[in-house]
Amino acid sequence: MKPNQIIELFIQDVAVELNDEFDRNFERKAFFDETWPAEKLKNSNGSLMNRTGTLRASISNNILNDIISWQSSLPYSEIHNTGGKIKITQKMRNFFWAMYYKNIGNTLYDIKTKSAVYNDAPKEAIFWKALALKKIGDEITIPKRQFIGNHPRVHEVIQDVFNDMENELNNYVLNNLNK
């Protein structure tokens, strides 16, 4: 085995191990040992970061020479990974109203006031209505729920892969010297 092949194999092994670790962050609901902030609104369809699995599945790595990088093709992945603020647009308000009406449940019509009366609005509906009533240009804070990045555990994984490879190389050399 040539030295370049050993380095390529090492980099590929590191990429595979870190892919698994980053994927497990969604199961842990944490960035390794740093728990994600709780959701303001509990949802019966699962946790915010794992409802559809689209964000989790969108993560891929790229190996260029001796550099491994991870990315996601989804536009909202960065705001979840780093946290930040987003400005409300009219399109967002329309979506919030649609979600409000979807979650409102049973409606009655009051003949005297000639308006709809909503009985026992669920928490989800109240949440969406509050967002829908925000002004265009107001900001929503998205808390940081990091799933990719640098962490002491990343360095441990790299060291573990290195140690495993070192043991394999030692065994390879010892076995070939005896022949």
C-alpha atoms as a PDB file:
ATOM      1  CA  MET A   1       0.000   0.000   0.000  1.00  0.00           C
ATOM      2  CA  LYS A   2       1.389   3.381  -1.019  1.00  0.00           C
ATOM      3  CA  PRO A   3       1.502   6.317   1.433  1.00  0.00           C
ATOM      4  CA  ASN A   4      -1.027   8.290  -0.647  1.00  0.00           C
ATOM      5  CA  GLN A   5      -3.456   5.359  -0.497  1.00  0.00           C
ATOM      6  CA  ILE A   6      -3.081   5.192   3.275  1.00  0.00           C
ATOM      7  CA  ILE A   7      -3.898   8.896   3.609  1.00  0.00           C
ATOM      8  CA  GLU A   8      -6.911   8.557   1.264  1.00  0.00           C
ATOM      9  CA  LEU A   9      -8.179   5.578   3.246  1.00  0.00           C
ATOM     10  CA  PHE A  10      -7.710   7.493   6.514  1.00  0.00           C
ATOM     11  CA  ILE A  11      -9.650  10.497   5.177  1.00  0.00           C
ATOM     12  CA  GLN A  12     -12.461   8.261   3.893  1.00  0.00           C
ATOM     13  CA  ASP A  13     -12.675   6.472   7.247  1.00  0.00           C
ATOM     14  CA  VAL A  14     -12.834   9.808   9.102  1.00  0.00           C
ATOM     15  CA  ALA A  15     -15.589  11.003   6.746  1.00  0.00           C
ATOM     16  CA  VAL A  16     -17.665   7.850   7.331  1.00  0.00           C
ATOM     17  CA  GLU A  17     -17.290   8.027  11.118  1.00  0.00           C
ATOM     18  CA  LEU A  18     -18.126  11.743  11.296  1.00  0.00           C
ATOM     19  CA  ASN A  19     -21.113  11.266   8.960  1.00  0.00           C
ATOM     20  CA  ASP A  20     -22.451   8.766  11.492  1.00  0.00           C
ATOM     21  CA  GLU A  21     -21.761  11.107  14.410  1.00  0.00           C
ATOM     22  CA  PHE A  22     -23.436  14.094  12.734  1.00  0.00           C
ATOM     23  CA  ASP A  23     -26.415  11.897  11.846  1.00  0.00           C
ATOM     24  CA  ARG A  24     -26.697  10.748  15.473  1.00  0.00           C
ATOM     25  CA  ASN A  25     -27.016  14.384  16.553  1.00  0.00           C
ATOM     26  CA  PHE A  26     -30.589  14.262  15.224  1.00  0.00           C
ATOM     27  CA  GLU A  27     -31.333  11.209  17.377  1.00  0.00           C
ATOM     28  CA  ARG A  28     -29.668  12.801  20.429  1.00  0.00           C
ATOM     29  CA  LYS A  29     -31.489  16.104  19.813  1.00  0.00           C
ATOM     30  CA  ALA A  30     -28.151  17.668  20.644  1.00  0.00           C
ATOM     31  CA  PHE A  31     -24.833  18.655  19.120  1.00  0.00           C
ATOM     32  CA  PHE A  32     -22.948  15.798  20.744  1.00  0.00           C
ATOM     33  CA  ASP A  33     -23.366  16.781  24.433  1.00  0.00           C
ATOM     34  CA  GLU A  34     -24.879  20.262  23.890  1.00  0.00           C
ATOM     35  CA  THR A  35     -28.656  19.762  24.064  1.00  0.00           C
ATOM     36  CA  TRP A  36     -30.751  21.741  21.587  1.00  0.00           C
ATOM     37  CA  PRO A  37     -33.147  24.362  23.006  1.00  0.00           C
ATOM     38  CA  ALA A  38     -36.631  23.017  23.638  1.00  0.00           C
ATOM     39  CA  GLU A  39     -39.296  23.725  21.061  1.00  0.00           C
ATOM     40  CA  LYS A  40     -41.796  26.414  21.972  1.00  0.00           C
ATOM     41  CA  LEU A  41     -44.568  24.299  20.504  1.00  0.00           C
ATOM     42  CA  LYS A  42     -44.633  20.540  20.976  1.00  0.00           C
ATOM     43  CA  ASN A  43     -45.813  18.730  17.868  1.00  0.00           C
ATOM     44  CA  SER A  44     -47.297  15.263  17.638  1.00  0.00           C
ATOM     45  CA  ASN A  45     -45.425  14.667  14.368  1.00  0.00           C
ATOM     46  CA  GLY A  46     -42.043  14.495  16.100  1.00  0.00           C
ATOM     47  CA  SER A  47     -39.247  16.878  16.929  1.00  0.00           C
ATOM     48  CA  LEU A  48     -38.717  20.025  14.900  1.00  0.00           C
ATOM     49  CA  MET A  49     -35.378  18.948  13.443  1.00  0.00           C
ATOM     50  CA  ASN A  50     -36.503  15.441  12.549  1.00  0.00           C
ATOM     51  CA  ARG A  51     -40.163  15.636  11.493  1.00  0.00           C
ATOM     52  CA  THR A  52     -39.690  14.813   7.832  1.00  0.00           C
ATOM     53  CA  GLY A  53     -36.052  13.734   7.883  1.00  0.00           C
ATOM     54  CA  THR A  54     -35.329  16.015   4.924  1.00  0.00           C
ATOM     55  CA  LEU A  55     -32.698  18.118   6.708  1.00  0.00           C
ATOM     56  CA  ARG A  56     -31.021  15.046   8.139  1.00  0.00           C
ATOM     57  CA  ALA A  57     -30.925  13.350   4.718  1.00  0.00           C
ATOM     58  CA  SER A  58     -29.620  16.475   2.970  1.00  0.00           C
ATOM     59  CA  ILE A  59     -26.282  16.442   4.796  1.00  0.00           C
ATOM     60  CA  SER A  60     -23.395  15.267   2.658  1.00  0.00           C
ATOM     61  CA  ASN A  61     -19.642  15.478   2.743  1.00  0.00           C
ATOM     62  CA  ASN A  62     -17.134  16.488   0.113  1.00  0.00           C
ATOM     63  CA  ILE A  63     -13.529  15.299   0.085  1.00  0.00           C
ATOM     64  CA  LEU A  64     -11.072  17.487  -1.804  1.00  0.00           C
ATOM     65  CA  ASN A  65      -7.434  16.428  -1.471  1.00  0.00           C
ATOM     66  CA  ASP A  66      -6.983  16.175   2.308  1.00  0.00           C
ATOM     67  CA  ILE A  67      -9.943  18.364   3.312  1.00  0.00           C
ATOM     68  CA  ILE A  68     -13.368  17.056   4.307  1.00  0.00           C
ATOM     69  CA  SER A  69     -16.286  19.482   4.343  1.00  0.00           C
ATOM     70  CA  TRP A  70     -19.969  18.961   5.119  1.00  0.00           C
ATOM     71  CA  GLN A  71     -22.887  20.812   3.615  1.00  0.00           C
ATOM     72  CA  SER A  72     -26.618  20.721   3.091  1.00  0.00           C
ATOM     73  CA  SER A  73     -28.457  21.741  -0.043  1.00  0.00           C
ATOM     74  CA  LEU A  74     -31.420  23.064   1.949  1.00  0.00           C
ATOM     75  CA  PRO A  75     -31.696  26.839   2.342  1.00  0.00           C
ATOM     76  CA  TYR A  76     -32.808  26.647   5.981  1.00  0.00           C
ATOM     77  CA  SER A  77     -30.004  24.370   7.176  1.00  0.00           C
ATOM     78  CA  GLU A  78     -27.622  27.229   7.990  1.00  0.00           C
ATOM     79  CA  ILE A  79     -30.111  29.155  10.157  1.00  0.00           C
ATOM     80  CA  HIS A  80     -30.788  25.998  12.200  1.00  0.00           C
ATOM     81  CA  ASN A  81     -27.086  25.141  12.501  1.00  0.00           C
ATOM     82  CA  THR A  82     -25.940  28.629  13.526  1.00  0.00           C
ATOM     83  CA  GLY A  83     -29.103  30.292  14.837  1.00  0.00           C
ATOM     84  CA  GLY A  84     -30.092  33.824  13.951  1.00  0.00           C
ATOM     85  CA  LYS A  85     -32.940  36.127  13.060  1.00  0.00           C
ATOM     86  CA  ILE A  86     -35.206  36.118  10.017  1.00  0.00           C
ATOM     87  CA  LYS A  87     -37.504  38.898   8.863  1.00  0.00           C
ATOM     88  CA  ILE A  88     -41.173  38.156   8.350  1.00  0.00           C
ATOM     89  CA  THR A  89     -42.389  38.531   4.776  1.00  0.00           C
ATOM     90  CA  GLN A  90     -45.916  38.621   3.384  1.00  0.00           C
ATOM     91  CA  LYS A  91     -45.425  35.112   2.031  1.00  0.00           C
ATOM     92  CA  MET A  92     -44.553  33.919   5.544  1.00  0.00           C
ATOM     93  CA  ARG A  93     -47.612  35.630   7.017  1.00  0.00           C
ATOM     94  CA  ASN A  94     -49.797  33.898   4.417  1.00  0.00           C
ATOM     95  CA  PHE A  95     -48.254  30.582   5.443  1.00  0.00           C
ATOM     96  CA  PHE A  96     -48.828  31.338   9.153  1.00  0.00           C
ATOM     97  CA  TRP A  97     -52.505  32.116   8.485  1.00  0.00           C
ATOM     98  CA  ALA A  98     -52.869  28.898   6.481  1.00  0.00           C
ATOM     99  CA  MET A  99     -51.345  26.920   9.359  1.00  0.00           C
ATOM    100  CA  TYR A 100     -53.632  28.698  11.818  1.00  0.00           C
ATOM    101  CA  TYR A 101     -56.759  27.733   9.867  1.00  0.00           C
ATOM    102  CA  LYS A 102     -55.467  24.192   9.417  1.00  0.00           C
ATOM    103  CA  ASN A 103     -55.003  23.806  13.190  1.00  0.00           C
ATOM    104  CA  ILE A 104     -58.021  25.726  14.482  1.00  0.00           C
ATOM    105  CA  GLY A 105     -60.320  22.711  14.436  1.00  0.00           C
ATOM    106  CA  ASN A 106     -64.095  23.057  14.942  1.00  0.00           C
ATOM    107  CA  THR A 107     -65.744  26.325  14.050  1.00  0.00           C
ATOM    108  CA  LEU A 108     -69.232  27.518  14.771  1.00  0.00           C
ATOM    109  CA  TYR A 109     -71.006  30.401  13.122  1.00  0.00           C
ATOM    110  CA  ASP A 110     -72.596  32.995  15.398  1.00  0.00           C
ATOM    111  CA  ILE A 111     -75.674  34.369  13.658  1.00  0.00           C
ATOM    112  CA  LYS A 112     -75.898  37.449  15.898  1.00  0.00           C
ATOM    113  CA  THR A 113     -72.336  38.655  15.291  1.00  0.00           C
ATOM    114  CA  LYS A 114     -72.164  37.104  11.806  1.00  0.00           C
ATOM    115  CA  SER A 115     -68.721  35.716  12.503  1.00  0.00           C
ATOM    116  CA  ALA A 116     -66.987  32.431  13.125  1.00  0.00           C
ATOM    117  CA  VAL A 117     -66.560  31.318  16.715  1.00  0.00           C
ATOM    118  CA  TYR A 118     -63.664  28.994  17.471  1.00  0.00           C
ATOM    119  CA  ASN A 119     -64.179  26.678  20.405  1.00  0.00           C
ATOM    120  CA  ASP A 120     -61.124  25.696  22.417  1.00  0.00           C
ATOM    121  CA  ALA A 121     -58.425  26.750  19.968  1.00  0.00           C
ATOM    122  CA  PRO A 122     -55.491  24.342  20.234  1.00  0.00           C
ATOM    123  CA  LYS A 123     -52.086  25.649  21.309  1.00  0.00           C
ATOM    124  CA  GLU A 124     -50.753  25.097  17.791  1.00  0.00           C
ATOM    125  CA  ALA A 125     -53.454  27.340  16.329  1.00  0.00           C
ATOM    126  CA  ILE A 126     -52.743  30.078  18.891  1.00  0.00           C
ATOM    127  CA  PHE A 127     -49.012  29.834  18.094  1.00  0.00           C
ATOM    128  CA  TRP A 128     -49.615  30.208  14.331  1.00  0.00           C
ATOM    129  CA  LYS A 129     -52.046  33.095  14.864  1.00  0.00           C
ATOM    130  CA  ALA A 130     -49.489  34.959  16.975  1.00  0.00           C
ATOM    131  CA  LEU A 131     -46.963  34.593  14.148  1.00  0.00           C
ATOM    132  CA  ALA A 132     -49.530  35.600  11.520  1.00  0.00           C
ATOM    133  CA  LEU A 133     -50.332  38.800  13.428  1.00  0.00           C
ATOM    134  CA  LYS A 134     -46.705  39.940  13.474  1.00  0.00           C
ATOM    135  CA  LYS A 135     -45.886  42.848  11.188  1.00  0.00           C
ATOM    136  CA  ILE A 136     -43.961  42.412   7.963  1.00  0.00           C
ATOM    137  CA  GLY A 137     -40.331  43.197   8.755  1.00  0.00           C
ATOM    138  CA  ASP A 138     -40.530  41.985  12.367  1.00  0.00           C
ATOM    139  CA  GLU A 139     -37.850  39.483  13.262  1.00  0.00           C
ATOM    140  CA  ILE A 140     -38.196  35.928  14.493  1.00  0.00           C
ATOM    141  CA  THR A 141     -35.289  34.483  16.452  1.00  0.00           C
ATOM    142  CA  ILE A 142     -34.310  30.976  15.415  1.00  0.00           C
ATOM    143  CA  PRO A 143     -32.315  29.332  18.231  1.00  0.00           C
ATOM    144  CA  LYS A 144     -29.084  27.559  17.409  1.00  0.00           C
ATOM    145  CA  ARG A 145     -29.634  23.821  16.981  1.00  0.00           C
ATOM    146  CA  GLN A 146     -26.227  22.853  15.683  1.00  0.00           C
ATOM    147  CA  PHE A 147     -25.847  19.473  14.021  1.00  0.00           C
ATOM    148  CA  ILE A 148     -22.574  19.909  12.051  1.00  0.00           C
ATOM    149  CA  GLY A 149     -19.376  21.621  13.132  1.00  0.00           C
ATOM    150  CA  ASN A 150     -16.280  21.524  15.259  1.00  0.00           C
ATOM    151  CA  HIS A 151     -16.486  19.914  18.691  1.00  0.00           C
ATOM    152  CA  PRO A 152     -14.059  18.044  20.968  1.00  0.00           C
ATOM    153  CA  ARG A 153     -15.878  14.814  20.004  1.00  0.00           C
ATOM    154  CA  VAL A 154     -14.887  15.418  16.349  1.00  0.00           C
ATOM    155  CA  HIS A 155     -11.237  15.438  17.404  1.00  0.00           C
ATOM    156  CA  GLU A 156     -11.778  12.249  19.423  1.00  0.00           C
ATOM    157  CA  VAL A 157     -13.277  10.500  16.385  1.00  0.00           C
ATOM    158  CA  ILE A 158     -10.336  11.557  14.217  1.00  0.00           C
ATOM    159  CA  GLN A 159      -7.906  10.312  16.879  1.00  0.00           C
ATOM    160  CA  ASP A 160      -9.791   6.994  17.181  1.00  0.00           C
ATOM    161  CA  VAL A 161      -9.664   6.449  13.417  1.00  0.00           C
ATOM    162  CA  PHE A 162      -5.961   7.312  13.431  1.00  0.00           C
ATOM    163  CA  ASN A 163      -5.275   4.845  16.267  1.00  0.00           C
ATOM    164  CA  ASP A 164      -7.219   2.086  14.483  1.00  0.00           C
ATOM    165  CA  MET A 165      -5.326   2.723  11.263  1.00  0.00           C
ATOM    166  CA  GLU A 166      -2.016   2.772  13.118  1.00  0.00           C
ATOM    167  CA  ASN A 167      -2.799  -0.642  14.630  1.00  0.00           C
ATOM    168  CA  GLU A 168      -3.772  -2.033  11.220  1.00  0.00           C
ATOM    169  CA  LEU A 169      -0.549  -0.730   9.676  1.00  0.00           C
ATOM    170  CA  ASN A 170       1.546  -2.193  12.495  1.00  0.00           C
ATOM    171  CA  ASN A 171      -0.127  -5.587  12.020  1.00  0.00           C
ATOM    172  CA  TYR A 172       0.346  -5.349   8.246  1.00  0.00           C
ATOM    173  CA  VAL A 173       4.056  -4.575   8.616  1.00  0.00           C
ATOM    174  CA  LEU A 174       4.596  -7.326  11.211  1.00  0.00           C
ATOM    175  CA  ASN A 175       2.767  -9.932   9.121  1.00  0.00           C
ATOM    176  CA  ASN A 176       4.685  -9.036   5.964  1.00  0.00           C
ATOM    177  CA  LEU A 177       8.070  -9.053   7.724  1.00  0.00           C
ATOM    178  CA  ASN A 178       7.502 -12.632   8.859  1.00  0.00           C
ATOM    179  CA  LYS A 179       6.975 -13.838   5.272  1.00  0.00           C
END
